[in-house]
Amino acid sequence: MNGVAKHDRALDEALVSLGAIVLRLADPKVTRTAAERRALAQSVRQYGLCADRSADPRVHRLRAELDETVKPKLRLVWSK
């Protein structure tokens, strides 16, 4: 394995670890305030930018999972 591949693999491992941390922070028990949710959304966006450059499928799975955590929850409202 050449030097570039070693660095690429190390970055992928760091991204997987970072994604797991951000995913734990996405728990509603952790991010309670509006400021915490904004910080979480910013972390997810920054993670996504790094994940775009990765070829590791684990990184892309984590990105998709994180993207789902910041999407607004839609409610069905029915009125007569």
C-alpha atoms as a PDB file:
ATOM      1  CA  MET A   1       0.000   0.000   0.000  1.00  0.00           C
ATOM      2  CA  ASN A   2       1.522   3.319  -1.019  1.00  0.00           C
ATOM      3  CA  GLY A   3       1.645   6.437   1.139  1.00  0.00           C
ATOM      4  CA  VAL A   4      -1.353   8.138  -0.451  1.00  0.00           C
ATOM      5  CA  ALA A   5      -3.528   5.078   0.048  1.00  0.00           C
ATOM      6  CA  LYS A   6      -2.468   4.864   3.706  1.00  0.00           C
ATOM      7  CA  HIS A   7      -3.406   8.484   4.277  1.00  0.00           C
ATOM      8  CA  ASP A   8      -6.686   8.012   2.433  1.00  0.00           C
ATOM      9  CA  ARG A   9      -7.553   5.003   4.587  1.00  0.00           C
ATOM     10  CA  ALA A  10      -6.610   6.882   7.771  1.00  0.00           C
ATOM     11  CA  LEU A  11      -8.845   9.788   6.745  1.00  0.00           C
ATOM     12  CA  ASP A  12     -11.709   7.393   6.055  1.00  0.00           C
ATOM     13  CA  GLU A  13     -11.315   5.859   9.511  1.00  0.00           C
ATOM     14  CA  ALA A  14     -11.300   9.339  11.063  1.00  0.00           C
ATOM     15  CA  LEU A  15     -14.459  10.232   9.112  1.00  0.00           C
ATOM     16  CA  VAL A  16     -16.202   7.078  10.320  1.00  0.00           C
ATOM     17  CA  SER A  17     -15.298   7.938  13.920  1.00  0.00           C
ATOM     18  CA  LEU A  18     -16.349  11.555  13.496  1.00  0.00           C
ATOM     19  CA  GLY A  19     -19.621  10.508  11.863  1.00  0.00           C
ATOM     20  CA  ALA A  20     -20.404   8.224  14.791  1.00  0.00           C
ATOM     21  CA  ILE A  21     -19.804  11.095  17.214  1.00  0.00           C
ATOM     22  CA  VAL A  22     -22.036  13.487  15.274  1.00  0.00           C
ATOM     23  CA  LEU A  23     -24.697  10.768  15.049  1.00  0.00           C
ATOM     24  CA  ARG A  24     -24.684  10.439  18.850  1.00  0.00           C
ATOM     25  CA  LEU A  25     -25.078  14.210  19.096  1.00  0.00           C
ATOM     26  CA  ALA A  26     -28.128  13.991  16.814  1.00  0.00           C
ATOM     27  CA  ASP A  27     -30.100  12.263  19.559  1.00  0.00           C
ATOM     28  CA  PRO A  28     -32.987  14.535  20.642  1.00  0.00           C
ATOM     29  CA  LYS A  29     -31.974  13.927  24.262  1.00  0.00           C
ATOM     30  CA  VAL A  30     -28.646  15.624  23.501  1.00  0.00           C
ATOM     31  CA  THR A  31     -29.639  18.429  21.128  1.00  0.00           C
ATOM     32  CA  ARG A  32     -32.475  20.109  22.982  1.00  0.00           C
ATOM     33  CA  THR A  33     -32.158  23.806  22.227  1.00  0.00           C
ATOM     34  CA  ALA A  34     -32.461  25.635  18.915  1.00  0.00           C
ATOM     35  CA  ALA A  35     -28.798  26.661  19.147  1.00  0.00           C
ATOM     36  CA  GLU A  36     -27.748  23.020  19.618  1.00  0.00           C
ATOM     37  CA  ARG A  37     -29.838  21.964  16.624  1.00  0.00           C
ATOM     38  CA  ARG A  38     -28.261  24.701  14.478  1.00  0.00           C
ATOM     39  CA  ALA A  39     -24.802  23.548  15.570  1.00  0.00           C
ATOM     40  CA  LEU A  40     -25.748  19.970  14.727  1.00  0.00           C
ATOM     41  CA  ALA A  41     -26.962  21.013  11.264  1.00  0.00           C
ATOM     42  CA  GLN A  42     -23.678  22.836  10.673  1.00  0.00           C
ATOM     43  CA  SER A  43     -21.689  19.766  11.774  1.00  0.00           C
ATOM     44  CA  VAL A  44     -23.723  17.555   9.440  1.00  0.00           C
ATOM     45  CA  ARG A  45     -23.103  19.945   6.513  1.00  0.00           C
ATOM     46  CA  GLN A  46     -19.366  20.034   7.237  1.00  0.00           C
ATOM     47  CA  TYR A  47     -19.263  16.244   7.545  1.00  0.00           C
ATOM     48  CA  GLY A  48     -21.064  15.983   4.208  1.00  0.00           C
ATOM     49  CA  LEU A  49     -18.453  18.126   2.494  1.00  0.00           C
ATOM     50  CA  CYS A  50     -15.697  15.821   3.713  1.00  0.00           C
ATOM     51  CA  ALA A  51     -17.723  12.694   2.935  1.00  0.00           C
ATOM     52  CA  ASP A  52     -18.152  13.807  -0.677  1.00  0.00           C
ATOM     53  CA  ARG A  53     -14.439  13.248  -1.218  1.00  0.00           C
ATOM     54  CA  SER A  54     -14.383   9.778   0.338  1.00  0.00           C
ATOM     55  CA  ALA A  55     -14.711   6.510  -1.542  1.00  0.00           C
ATOM     56  CA  ASP A  56     -15.515   4.520   1.622  1.00  0.00           C
ATOM     57  CA  PRO A  57     -19.124   3.245   1.603  1.00  0.00           C
ATOM     58  CA  ARG A  58     -19.277   3.465   5.420  1.00  0.00           C
ATOM     59  CA  VAL A  59     -18.684   7.199   5.219  1.00  0.00           C
ATOM     60  CA  HIS A  60     -21.471   7.585   2.657  1.00  0.00           C
ATOM     61  CA  ARG A  61     -23.887   5.509   4.759  1.00  0.00           C
ATOM     62  CA  LEU A  62     -23.154   7.678   7.784  1.00  0.00           C
ATOM     63  CA  ARG A  63     -23.656  10.800   5.709  1.00  0.00           C
ATOM     64  CA  ALA A  64     -27.069   9.608   4.531  1.00  0.00           C
ATOM     65  CA  GLU A  65     -28.025   8.738   8.101  1.00  0.00           C
ATOM     66  CA  LEU A  66     -26.866  12.139   9.363  1.00  0.00           C
ATOM     67  CA  ASP A  67     -28.704  13.960   6.580  1.00  0.00           C
ATOM     68  CA  GLU A  68     -31.909  12.283   7.749  1.00  0.00           C
ATOM     69  CA  THR A  69     -31.385  13.529  11.304  1.00  0.00           C
ATOM     70  CA  VAL A  70     -31.457  17.195  10.311  1.00  0.00           C
ATOM     71  CA  LYS A  71     -34.446  17.002   7.978  1.00  0.00           C
ATOM     72  CA  PRO A  72     -37.502  18.594   9.530  1.00  0.00           C
ATOM     73  CA  LYS A  73     -40.085  16.171  10.774  1.00  0.00           C
ATOM     74  CA  LEU A  74     -43.253  16.670   8.768  1.00  0.00           C
ATOM     75  CA  ARG A  75     -46.647  16.225  10.332  1.00  0.00           C
ATOM     76  CA  LEU A  76     -49.847  15.436   8.540  1.00  0.00           C
ATOM     77  CA  VAL A  77     -52.423  18.059   9.398  1.00  0.00           C
ATOM     78  CA  TRP A  78     -55.991  17.478   8.414  1.00  0.00           C
ATOM     79  CA  SER A  79     -58.698  19.980   8.917  1.00  0.00           C
ATOM     80  CA  LYS A  80     -62.357  19.897   8.039  1.00  0.00           C
END
